[in-house]
Amino acid sequence: FIQVQPPNEDLPNGGNYWRQAVFYKILVDNYPGQAWNVVGVVFEFLEPDENKELHSIEVRVGAADIETVTRQIESSWHAIQAADFYTGCGKAGCYWCNFARAL
């Protein structure tokens, strides 16, 4: 299942590939010395699906998408700076939970 959907009820942060496409646009649009205008991203999948078919999926990126992902980037940055990480599963022997509790 390839997640190329923008945020919705089931995927409040949008699909992984959608976020990646928007992030790529942000990077390319802000590349110094170039005046490129990205309108979308095409993902070319090199591995066939279960029917042995190759897929190419285009994700169009608009201003609202850029705003959404920019807010997600800013939110993640602030959480990292505050060492506000996901606390994990809560099991006593869990490596990640013990790491997160030690912060």
C-alpha atoms as a PDB file:
ATOM      1  CA  PHE A   1       0.000   0.000   0.000  1.00  0.00           C
ATOM      2  CA  ILE A   2       1.679   3.193  -1.203  1.00  0.00           C
ATOM      3  CA  GLN A   3       0.723   6.169   0.948  1.00  0.00           C
ATOM      4  CA  VAL A   4       0.498   9.208  -1.325  1.00  0.00           C
ATOM      5  CA  GLN A   5      -2.558  10.792   0.290  1.00  0.00           C
ATOM      6  CA  PRO A   6      -2.502  14.251   1.860  1.00  0.00           C
ATOM      7  CA  PRO A   7      -3.674  14.454   5.475  1.00  0.00           C
ATOM      8  CA  ASN A   8      -7.078  12.901   6.099  1.00  0.00           C
ATOM      9  CA  GLU A   9      -8.981  11.239   8.932  1.00  0.00           C
ATOM     10  CA  ASP A  10      -7.041   7.966   8.637  1.00  0.00           C
ATOM     11  CA  LEU A  11      -3.641   9.643   8.043  1.00  0.00           C
ATOM     12  CA  PRO A  12      -3.637  12.921   9.996  1.00  0.00           C
ATOM     13  CA  ASN A  13      -0.031  13.670   8.927  1.00  0.00           C
ATOM     14  CA  GLY A  14      -0.529  12.517   5.353  1.00  0.00           C
ATOM     15  CA  GLY A  15       1.021   9.484   3.719  1.00  0.00           C
ATOM     16  CA  ASN A  16       4.744   8.857   3.883  1.00  0.00           C
ATOM     17  CA  TYR A  17       5.257   9.354   0.137  1.00  0.00           C
ATOM     18  CA  TRP A  18       3.065  12.488   0.106  1.00  0.00           C
ATOM     19  CA  ARG A  19       5.200  14.057   2.876  1.00  0.00           C
ATOM     20  CA  GLN A  20       8.371  13.028   1.060  1.00  0.00           C
ATOM     21  CA  ALA A  21       7.142  14.625  -2.195  1.00  0.00           C
ATOM     22  CA  VAL A  22       6.268  17.893  -0.458  1.00  0.00           C
ATOM     23  CA  PHE A  23       9.603  17.908   1.388  1.00  0.00           C
ATOM     24  CA  TYR A  24      11.454  17.415  -1.930  1.00  0.00           C
ATOM     25  CA  LYS A  25       9.583  20.393  -3.400  1.00  0.00           C
ATOM     26  CA  ILE A  26      10.537  22.543  -0.405  1.00  0.00           C
ATOM     27  CA  LEU A  27      14.193  21.528  -0.799  1.00  0.00           C
ATOM     28  CA  VAL A  28      14.355  22.112  -4.561  1.00  0.00           C
ATOM     29  CA  ASP A  29      12.419  25.389  -4.452  1.00  0.00           C
ATOM     30  CA  ASN A  30      14.913  26.708  -1.893  1.00  0.00           C
ATOM     31  CA  TYR A  31      18.064  25.479  -3.627  1.00  0.00           C
ATOM     32  CA  PRO A  32      20.406  28.484  -3.915  1.00  0.00           C
ATOM     33  CA  GLY A  33      21.189  29.819  -7.357  1.00  0.00           C
ATOM     34  CA  GLN A  34      18.358  28.037  -9.162  1.00  0.00           C
ATOM     35  CA  ALA A  35      14.924  29.264 -10.154  1.00  0.00           C
ATOM     36  CA  TRP A  36      13.222  25.902 -10.476  1.00  0.00           C
ATOM     37  CA  ASN A  37       9.498  25.661  -9.903  1.00  0.00           C
ATOM     38  CA  VAL A  38       8.494  22.167  -8.864  1.00  0.00           C
ATOM     39  CA  VAL A  39       4.800  21.440  -9.386  1.00  0.00           C
ATOM     40  CA  GLY A  40       4.896  17.775  -8.461  1.00  0.00           C
ATOM     41  CA  VAL A  41       6.997  14.704  -7.870  1.00  0.00           C
ATOM     42  CA  VAL A  42       6.920  11.394  -9.727  1.00  0.00           C
ATOM     43  CA  PHE A  43       7.865   8.225  -7.874  1.00  0.00           C
ATOM     44  CA  GLU A  44       9.133   5.480 -10.203  1.00  0.00           C
ATOM     45  CA  PHE A  45       9.002   2.148  -8.410  1.00  0.00           C
ATOM     46  CA  LEU A  46      11.695  -0.257  -9.559  1.00  0.00           C
ATOM     47  CA  GLU A  47      10.264  -3.366  -7.968  1.00  0.00           C
ATOM     48  CA  PRO A  48       7.150  -4.917  -9.481  1.00  0.00           C
ATOM     49  CA  ASP A  49       4.032  -5.508  -7.411  1.00  0.00           C
ATOM     50  CA  GLU A  50       2.486  -8.942  -6.814  1.00  0.00           C
ATOM     51  CA  ASN A  51       1.115  -8.842 -10.410  1.00  0.00           C
ATOM     52  CA  LYS A  52       4.629  -8.160 -11.751  1.00  0.00           C
ATOM     53  CA  GLU A  53       3.643  -4.617 -12.774  1.00  0.00           C
ATOM     54  CA  LEU A  54       5.810  -1.543 -12.324  1.00  0.00           C
ATOM     55  CA  HIS A  55       4.201   1.618 -11.001  1.00  0.00           C
ATOM     56  CA  SER A  56       4.741   5.313 -11.512  1.00  0.00           C
ATOM     57  CA  ILE A  57       2.855   7.648  -9.181  1.00  0.00           C
ATOM     58  CA  GLU A  58       2.665  11.423  -9.530  1.00  0.00           C
ATOM     59  CA  VAL A  59       2.057  13.625  -6.493  1.00  0.00           C
ATOM     60  CA  ARG A  60       1.027  17.214  -7.257  1.00  0.00           C
ATOM     61  CA  VAL A  61       2.146  19.706  -4.612  1.00  0.00           C
ATOM     62  CA  GLY A  62       0.340  22.967  -3.855  1.00  0.00           C
ATOM     63  CA  ALA A  63       0.728  25.873  -1.454  1.00  0.00           C
ATOM     64  CA  ALA A  64      -1.499  24.267   1.210  1.00  0.00           C
ATOM     65  CA  ASP A  65       0.672  21.127   1.116  1.00  0.00           C
ATOM     66  CA  ILE A  66       3.805  23.224   1.660  1.00  0.00           C
ATOM     67  CA  GLU A  67       2.198  24.995   4.626  1.00  0.00           C
ATOM     68  CA  THR A  68       1.181  21.684   6.200  1.00  0.00           C
ATOM     69  CA  VAL A  69       4.594  20.049   5.859  1.00  0.00           C
ATOM     70  CA  THR A  70       6.379  23.230   6.972  1.00  0.00           C
ATOM     71  CA  ARG A  71       4.290  23.160  10.182  1.00  0.00           C
ATOM     72  CA  GLN A  72       5.176  19.473  10.633  1.00  0.00           C
ATOM     73  CA  ILE A  73       8.887  20.266  10.200  1.00  0.00           C
ATOM     74  CA  GLU A  74       8.696  23.141  12.701  1.00  0.00           C
ATOM     75  CA  SER A  75       6.782  20.995  15.200  1.00  0.00           C
ATOM     76  CA  SER A  76       9.337  18.184  14.889  1.00  0.00           C
ATOM     77  CA  TRP A  77      12.219  20.645  15.301  1.00  0.00           C
ATOM     78  CA  HIS A  78      10.735  22.070  18.501  1.00  0.00           C
ATOM     79  CA  ALA A  79      10.077  18.579  19.895  1.00  0.00           C
ATOM     80  CA  ILE A  80      13.670  17.528  19.154  1.00  0.00           C
ATOM     81  CA  GLN A  81      15.057  20.652  20.815  1.00  0.00           C
ATOM     82  CA  ALA A  82      12.901  19.967  23.878  1.00  0.00           C
ATOM     83  CA  ALA A  83      13.957  16.263  23.918  1.00  0.00           C
ATOM     84  CA  ASP A  84      10.234  15.487  23.695  1.00  0.00           C
ATOM     85  CA  PHE A  85      10.382  12.027  22.155  1.00  0.00           C
ATOM     86  CA  TYR A  86       7.817   9.263  21.914  1.00  0.00           C
ATOM     87  CA  THR A  87       8.041   7.351  25.172  1.00  0.00           C
ATOM     88  CA  GLY A  88       7.576   3.899  23.654  1.00  0.00           C
ATOM     89  CA  CYS A  89       5.612   0.847  24.712  1.00  0.00           C
ATOM     90  CA  GLY A  90       6.212   1.083  28.469  1.00  0.00           C
ATOM     91  CA  LYS A  91       7.625  -2.449  28.914  1.00  0.00           C
ATOM     92  CA  ALA A  92      10.323  -2.645  31.603  1.00  0.00           C
ATOM     93  CA  GLY A  93      12.876  -4.416  29.364  1.00  0.00           C
ATOM     94  CA  CYS A  94      12.329  -2.273  26.281  1.00  0.00           C
ATOM     95  CA  TYR A  95      15.557  -0.627  25.131  1.00  0.00           C
ATOM     96  CA  TRP A  96      13.778   2.414  23.617  1.00  0.00           C
ATOM     97  CA  CYS A  97      11.564   3.006  26.677  1.00  0.00           C
ATOM     98  CA  ASN A  98      14.594   2.874  28.992  1.00  0.00           C
ATOM     99  CA  PHE A  99      16.460   5.278  26.709  1.00  0.00           C
ATOM    100  CA  ALA A 100      13.501   7.708  26.591  1.00  0.00           C
ATOM    101  CA  ARG A 101      13.055   7.599  30.384  1.00  0.00           C
ATOM    102  CA  ALA A 102      16.744   8.418  30.875  1.00  0.00           C
ATOM    103  CA  LEU A 103      16.423  11.740  29.030  1.00  0.00           C
END
